[in-house]
Amino acid sequence: METREEFQARIQDLMKQADKAIKKANDYLIRQGVVVDLTEWVTIKEYCRRFGIKNTETVSNWIKCGIVPEDDTLIIEEFNNIRMIRAKSYRTNSKLNVESLPD
């Protein structure tokens, strides 16, 4: 079993790797003439993990239905057309649970 210190060291290593990946992507985008603060943008999969959404199709449907504004999505062609979403909570005005929207 992993000790607390080992766990903390592993988390620190993961954070360093994430920082390097963000810097590398940011440097590439700047060279391409695009300035994006990648700390506020996440993949749909990461968005689901952060906000406890059960599957990525739910968020994709939010984008299609307009629950997530177009300004809060970004497609980065240089990274295999990956879709990014602004890392913030999206709510609807209705009482309908957005997770229950049809796929």
N, C-alpha and C. Protein backbone atom coordinates (compact mmCIF):
# COMPACT_ATOMS: atom_id res chain seq x y z
N MET A 1 0.84 -1.18 0.00
CA MET A 1 0.00 0.00 0.00
C MET A 1 0.89 1.25 0.00
N GLU A 2 0.43 2.25 -0.68
CA GLU A 2 1.18 3.49 -0.85
C GLU A 2 1.11 4.34 0.43
N THR A 3 2.27 4.84 0.85
CA THR A 3 2.28 5.71 2.03
C THR A 3 1.83 7.10 1.63
N ARG A 4 1.53 7.90 2.63
CA ARG A 4 1.10 9.28 2.38
C ARG A 4 2.18 10.06 1.64
N GLU A 5 3.43 9.86 2.04
CA GLU A 5 4.54 10.56 1.41
C GLU A 5 4.70 10.13 -0.05
N GLU A 6 4.57 8.83 -0.31
CA GLU A 6 4.65 8.34 -1.69
C GLU A 6 3.52 8.91 -2.54
N PHE A 7 2.32 8.95 -1.96
CA PHE A 7 1.17 9.51 -2.66
C PHE A 7 1.40 10.99 -2.99
N GLN A 8 1.89 11.75 -2.02
CA GLN A 8 2.15 13.17 -2.24
C GLN A 8 3.23 13.37 -3.30
N ALA A 9 4.25 12.52 -3.28
CA ALA A 9 5.32 12.61 -4.28
C ALA A 9 4.77 12.29 -5.67
N ARG A 10 3.88 11.30 -5.76
CA ARG A 10 3.29 10.94 -7.04
C ARG A 10 2.41 12.07 -7.57
N ILE A 11 1.64 12.70 -6.69
CA ILE A 11 0.80 13.83 -7.09
C ILE A 11 1.66 14.99 -7.56
N GLN A 12 2.74 15.28 -6.85
CA GLN A 12 3.64 16.36 -7.26
C GLN A 12 4.24 16.07 -8.63
N ASP A 13 4.61 14.82 -8.87
CA ASP A 13 5.17 14.45 -10.17
C ASP A 13 4.12 14.64 -11.27
N LEU A 14 2.89 14.23 -11.03
CA LEU A 14 1.82 14.41 -12.01
C LEU A 14 1.57 15.88 -12.30
N MET A 15 1.63 16.71 -11.26
CA MET A 15 1.42 18.14 -11.44
C MET A 15 2.55 18.74 -12.28
N LYS A 16 3.78 18.30 -12.05
CA LYS A 16 4.91 18.78 -12.85
C LYS A 16 4.75 18.38 -14.31
N GLN A 17 4.32 17.14 -14.54
CA GLN A 17 4.10 16.68 -15.91
C GLN A 17 3.00 17.50 -16.59
N ALA A 18 1.93 17.78 -15.86
CA ALA A 18 0.84 18.58 -16.42
C ALA A 18 1.32 19.99 -16.74
N ASP A 19 2.10 20.58 -15.85
CA ASP A 19 2.64 21.92 -16.10
C ASP A 19 3.52 21.94 -17.36
N LYS A 20 4.34 20.90 -17.54
CA LYS A 20 5.19 20.82 -18.72
C LYS A 20 4.34 20.70 -19.99
N ALA A 21 3.29 19.88 -19.94
CA ALA A 21 2.42 19.71 -21.11
C ALA A 21 1.70 21.01 -21.44
N ILE A 22 1.23 21.72 -20.44
CA ILE A 22 0.55 23.00 -20.66
C ILE A 22 1.52 23.99 -21.27
N LYS A 23 2.74 24.06 -20.75
CA LYS A 23 3.73 24.99 -21.29
C LYS A 23 4.07 24.64 -22.74
N LYS A 24 4.25 23.37 -23.02
CA LYS A 24 4.59 22.94 -24.37
C LYS A 24 3.46 23.31 -25.35
N ALA A 25 2.23 23.04 -24.98
CA ALA A 25 1.09 23.37 -25.84
C ALA A 25 0.95 24.88 -26.00
N ASN A 26 1.13 25.61 -24.91
CA ASN A 26 1.02 27.06 -24.96
C ASN A 26 2.11 27.65 -25.87
N ASP A 27 3.33 27.16 -25.75
CA ASP A 27 4.43 27.63 -26.60
C ASP A 27 4.13 27.36 -28.08
N TYR A 28 3.61 26.19 -28.36
CA TYR A 28 3.27 25.85 -29.74
C TYR A 28 2.20 26.80 -30.29
N LEU A 29 1.14 27.02 -29.49
CA LEU A 29 0.06 27.90 -29.95
C LEU A 29 0.55 29.33 -30.16
N ILE A 30 1.41 29.80 -29.29
CA ILE A 30 1.96 31.15 -29.44
C ILE A 30 2.76 31.25 -30.74
N ARG A 31 3.55 30.21 -31.05
CA ARG A 31 4.30 30.21 -32.31
C ARG A 31 3.37 30.23 -33.51
N GLN A 32 2.17 29.70 -33.36
CA GLN A 32 1.19 29.69 -34.44
C GLN A 32 0.35 30.96 -34.48
N GLY A 33 0.62 31.89 -33.55
CA GLY A 33 -0.12 33.15 -33.52
C GLY A 33 -1.41 33.09 -32.73
N VAL A 34 -1.58 32.05 -31.95
CA VAL A 34 -2.79 31.91 -31.14
C VAL A 34 -2.39 32.04 -29.67
N VAL A 35 -3.08 32.91 -28.95
CA VAL A 35 -2.80 33.06 -27.53
C VAL A 35 -4.01 32.54 -26.76
N VAL A 36 -3.79 31.47 -26.01
CA VAL A 36 -4.86 30.83 -25.26
C VAL A 36 -4.33 30.52 -23.87
N ASP A 37 -5.11 30.86 -22.86
CA ASP A 37 -4.74 30.51 -21.49
C ASP A 37 -5.22 29.08 -21.25
N LEU A 38 -4.32 28.12 -21.41
CA LEU A 38 -4.71 26.72 -21.32
C LEU A 38 -5.08 26.28 -19.90
N THR A 39 -4.85 27.11 -18.91
CA THR A 39 -5.26 26.73 -17.56
C THR A 39 -6.76 26.83 -17.39
N GLU A 40 -7.44 27.59 -18.25
CA GLU A 40 -8.89 27.71 -18.13
C GLU A 40 -9.63 26.82 -19.13
N TRP A 41 -8.92 26.07 -19.96
CA TRP A 41 -9.52 25.20 -20.95
C TRP A 41 -9.13 23.75 -20.66
N VAL A 42 -10.10 22.84 -20.79
CA VAL A 42 -9.84 21.41 -20.56
C VAL A 42 -10.52 20.60 -21.66
N THR A 43 -10.09 19.36 -21.82
CA THR A 43 -10.77 18.47 -22.75
C THR A 43 -12.12 18.10 -22.17
N ILE A 44 -12.99 17.58 -23.01
CA ILE A 44 -14.32 17.18 -22.53
C ILE A 44 -14.18 16.07 -21.49
N LYS A 45 -13.25 15.16 -21.71
CA LYS A 45 -13.03 14.08 -20.74
C LYS A 45 -12.60 14.63 -19.39
N GLU A 46 -11.67 15.58 -19.40
CA GLU A 46 -11.21 16.19 -18.15
C GLU A 46 -12.33 16.99 -17.50
N TYR A 47 -13.15 17.66 -18.31
CA TYR A 47 -14.30 18.41 -17.77
C TYR A 47 -15.22 17.45 -17.01
N CYS A 48 -15.50 16.30 -17.61
CA CYS A 48 -16.36 15.31 -16.96
C CYS A 48 -15.76 14.85 -15.64
N ARG A 49 -14.47 14.61 -15.62
CA ARG A 49 -13.80 14.18 -14.39
C ARG A 49 -13.90 15.24 -13.31
N ARG A 50 -13.61 16.50 -13.68
CA ARG A 50 -13.62 17.59 -12.70
C ARG A 50 -15.00 17.87 -12.12
N PHE A 51 -16.03 17.77 -12.97
CA PHE A 51 -17.36 18.18 -12.54
C PHE A 51 -18.30 17.00 -12.29
N GLY A 52 -17.76 15.79 -12.28
CA GLY A 52 -18.55 14.62 -11.92
C GLY A 52 -19.63 14.24 -12.92
N ILE A 53 -19.37 14.47 -14.20
CA ILE A 53 -20.31 14.10 -15.25
C ILE A 53 -20.01 12.65 -15.64
N LYS A 54 -21.07 11.85 -15.80
CA LYS A 54 -20.87 10.41 -16.00
C LYS A 54 -20.26 10.04 -17.34
N ASN A 55 -20.58 10.77 -18.41
CA ASN A 55 -20.00 10.42 -19.70
C ASN A 55 -19.81 11.66 -20.57
N THR A 56 -18.91 11.54 -21.53
CA THR A 56 -18.57 12.68 -22.37
C THR A 56 -19.69 13.07 -23.33
N GLU A 57 -20.56 12.12 -23.66
CA GLU A 57 -21.68 12.43 -24.55
C GLU A 57 -22.61 13.48 -23.95
N THR A 58 -22.73 13.49 -22.64
CA THR A 58 -23.57 14.49 -21.98
C THR A 58 -23.06 15.89 -22.29
N VAL A 59 -21.76 16.10 -22.13
CA VAL A 59 -21.18 17.42 -22.39
C VAL A 59 -21.25 17.74 -23.88
N SER A 60 -21.01 16.75 -24.74
CA SER A 60 -21.14 16.98 -26.18
C SER A 60 -22.56 17.43 -26.53
N ASN A 61 -23.55 16.83 -25.89
CA ASN A 61 -24.93 17.24 -26.12
C ASN A 61 -25.19 18.66 -25.62
N TRP A 62 -24.57 19.03 -24.50
CA TRP A 62 -24.72 20.40 -24.01
C TRP A 62 -24.21 21.38 -25.05
N ILE A 63 -23.10 21.04 -25.68
CA ILE A 63 -22.52 21.91 -26.71
C ILE A 63 -23.47 22.01 -27.89
N LYS A 64 -23.99 20.87 -28.35
CA LYS A 64 -24.92 20.85 -29.48
C LYS A 64 -26.20 21.62 -29.19
N CYS A 65 -26.70 21.51 -27.95
CA CYS A 65 -27.96 22.16 -27.57
C CYS A 65 -27.79 23.63 -27.21
N GLY A 66 -26.56 24.10 -27.10
CA GLY A 66 -26.32 25.49 -26.77
C GLY A 66 -26.24 25.79 -25.28
N ILE A 67 -26.28 24.76 -24.44
CA ILE A 67 -26.13 24.97 -23.00
C ILE A 67 -24.73 25.53 -22.72
N VAL A 68 -23.75 25.01 -23.45
CA VAL A 68 -22.39 25.55 -23.39
C VAL A 68 -22.28 26.53 -24.55
N PRO A 69 -22.07 27.81 -24.26
CA PRO A 69 -21.99 28.81 -25.34
C PRO A 69 -20.83 28.51 -26.29
N GLU A 70 -21.01 28.89 -27.54
CA GLU A 70 -19.98 28.66 -28.56
C GLU A 70 -18.65 29.29 -28.17
N ASP A 71 -18.69 30.44 -27.49
CA ASP A 71 -17.46 31.11 -27.05
C ASP A 71 -16.70 30.32 -26.01
N ASP A 72 -17.36 29.35 -25.39
CA ASP A 72 -16.72 28.54 -24.36
C ASP A 72 -16.21 27.20 -24.88
N THR A 73 -16.16 27.06 -26.20
CA THR A 73 -15.56 25.87 -26.79
C THR A 73 -14.47 26.30 -27.76
N LEU A 74 -13.53 25.41 -27.95
CA LEU A 74 -12.37 25.71 -28.78
C LEU A 74 -11.91 24.41 -29.43
N ILE A 75 -11.66 24.43 -30.72
CA ILE A 75 -11.11 23.27 -31.40
C ILE A 75 -9.69 23.61 -31.82
N ILE A 76 -8.75 22.79 -31.41
CA ILE A 76 -7.34 23.02 -31.74
C ILE A 76 -6.96 22.03 -32.83
N GLU A 77 -6.92 22.52 -34.05
CA GLU A 77 -6.65 21.68 -35.22
C GLU A 77 -5.29 21.01 -35.14
N GLU A 78 -4.29 21.73 -34.63
CA GLU A 78 -2.93 21.20 -34.57
C GLU A 78 -2.80 20.00 -33.64
N PHE A 79 -3.76 19.83 -32.76
CA PHE A 79 -3.75 18.70 -31.83
C PHE A 79 -4.86 17.73 -32.20
N ASN A 80 -4.90 17.34 -33.48
CA ASN A 80 -5.85 16.34 -33.97
C ASN A 80 -7.30 16.78 -33.76
N ASN A 81 -7.56 18.08 -33.95
CA ASN A 81 -8.90 18.66 -33.82
C ASN A 81 -9.55 18.39 -32.47
N ILE A 82 -8.74 18.44 -31.43
CA ILE A 82 -9.28 18.20 -30.09
C ILE A 82 -10.19 19.35 -29.68
N ARG A 83 -11.31 19.02 -29.08
CA ARG A 83 -12.25 20.04 -28.62
C ARG A 83 -11.98 20.33 -27.15
N MET A 84 -11.83 21.61 -26.87
CA MET A 84 -11.60 22.07 -25.50
C MET A 84 -12.84 22.83 -25.04
N ILE A 85 -13.06 22.82 -23.75
CA ILE A 85 -14.20 23.51 -23.16
C ILE A 85 -13.69 24.32 -21.98
N ARG A 86 -14.28 25.49 -21.79
CA ARG A 86 -13.87 26.33 -20.66
C ARG A 86 -14.24 25.61 -19.37
N ALA A 87 -13.30 25.56 -18.44
CA ALA A 87 -13.48 24.80 -17.19
C ALA A 87 -14.30 25.60 -16.19
N LYS A 88 -15.61 25.63 -16.41
CA LYS A 88 -16.52 26.26 -15.46
C LYS A 88 -17.83 25.49 -15.48
N SER A 89 -18.62 25.65 -14.46
CA SER A 89 -19.88 24.92 -14.35
C SER A 89 -20.94 25.56 -15.25
N TYR A 90 -21.68 24.71 -15.96
CA TYR A 90 -22.76 25.19 -16.82
C TYR A 90 -24.09 24.73 -16.24
N ARG A 91 -25.02 25.67 -16.12
CA ARG A 91 -26.34 25.38 -15.56
C ARG A 91 -27.40 25.74 -16.59
N THR A 92 -28.54 25.10 -16.48
CA THR A 92 -29.66 25.46 -17.35
C THR A 92 -30.67 26.24 -16.53
N ASN A 93 -31.53 26.97 -17.21
CA ASN A 93 -32.57 27.75 -16.53
C ASN A 93 -33.77 26.90 -16.14
N SER A 94 -33.93 25.75 -16.77
CA SER A 94 -35.08 24.90 -16.47
C SER A 94 -34.79 24.02 -15.27
N LYS A 95 -35.83 23.36 -14.78
CA LYS A 95 -35.67 22.43 -13.67
C LYS A 95 -35.19 21.07 -14.14
N LEU A 96 -35.12 20.88 -15.44
CA LEU A 96 -34.68 19.63 -16.03
C LEU A 96 -33.21 19.38 -15.67
N ASN A 97 -32.95 18.19 -15.20
CA ASN A 97 -31.57 17.80 -14.91
C ASN A 97 -30.84 17.65 -16.23
N VAL A 98 -29.81 18.42 -16.45
CA VAL A 98 -29.12 18.41 -17.73
C VAL A 98 -28.51 17.05 -18.04
N GLU A 99 -28.26 16.23 -17.03
CA GLU A 99 -27.73 14.89 -17.29
C GLU A 99 -28.78 14.00 -17.94
N SER A 100 -30.07 14.38 -17.81
CA SER A 100 -31.10 13.53 -18.36
C SER A 100 -31.49 13.92 -19.77
N LEU A 101 -30.78 14.89 -20.38
CA LEU A 101 -31.06 15.26 -21.77
C LEU A 101 -30.81 14.07 -22.66
N PRO A 102 -31.63 13.89 -23.70
CA PRO A 102 -31.42 12.73 -24.58
C PRO A 102 -30.12 12.82 -25.34
N ASP A 103 -29.53 11.68 -25.60
CA ASP A 103 -28.26 11.65 -26.36
C ASP A 103 -28.48 11.88 -27.81
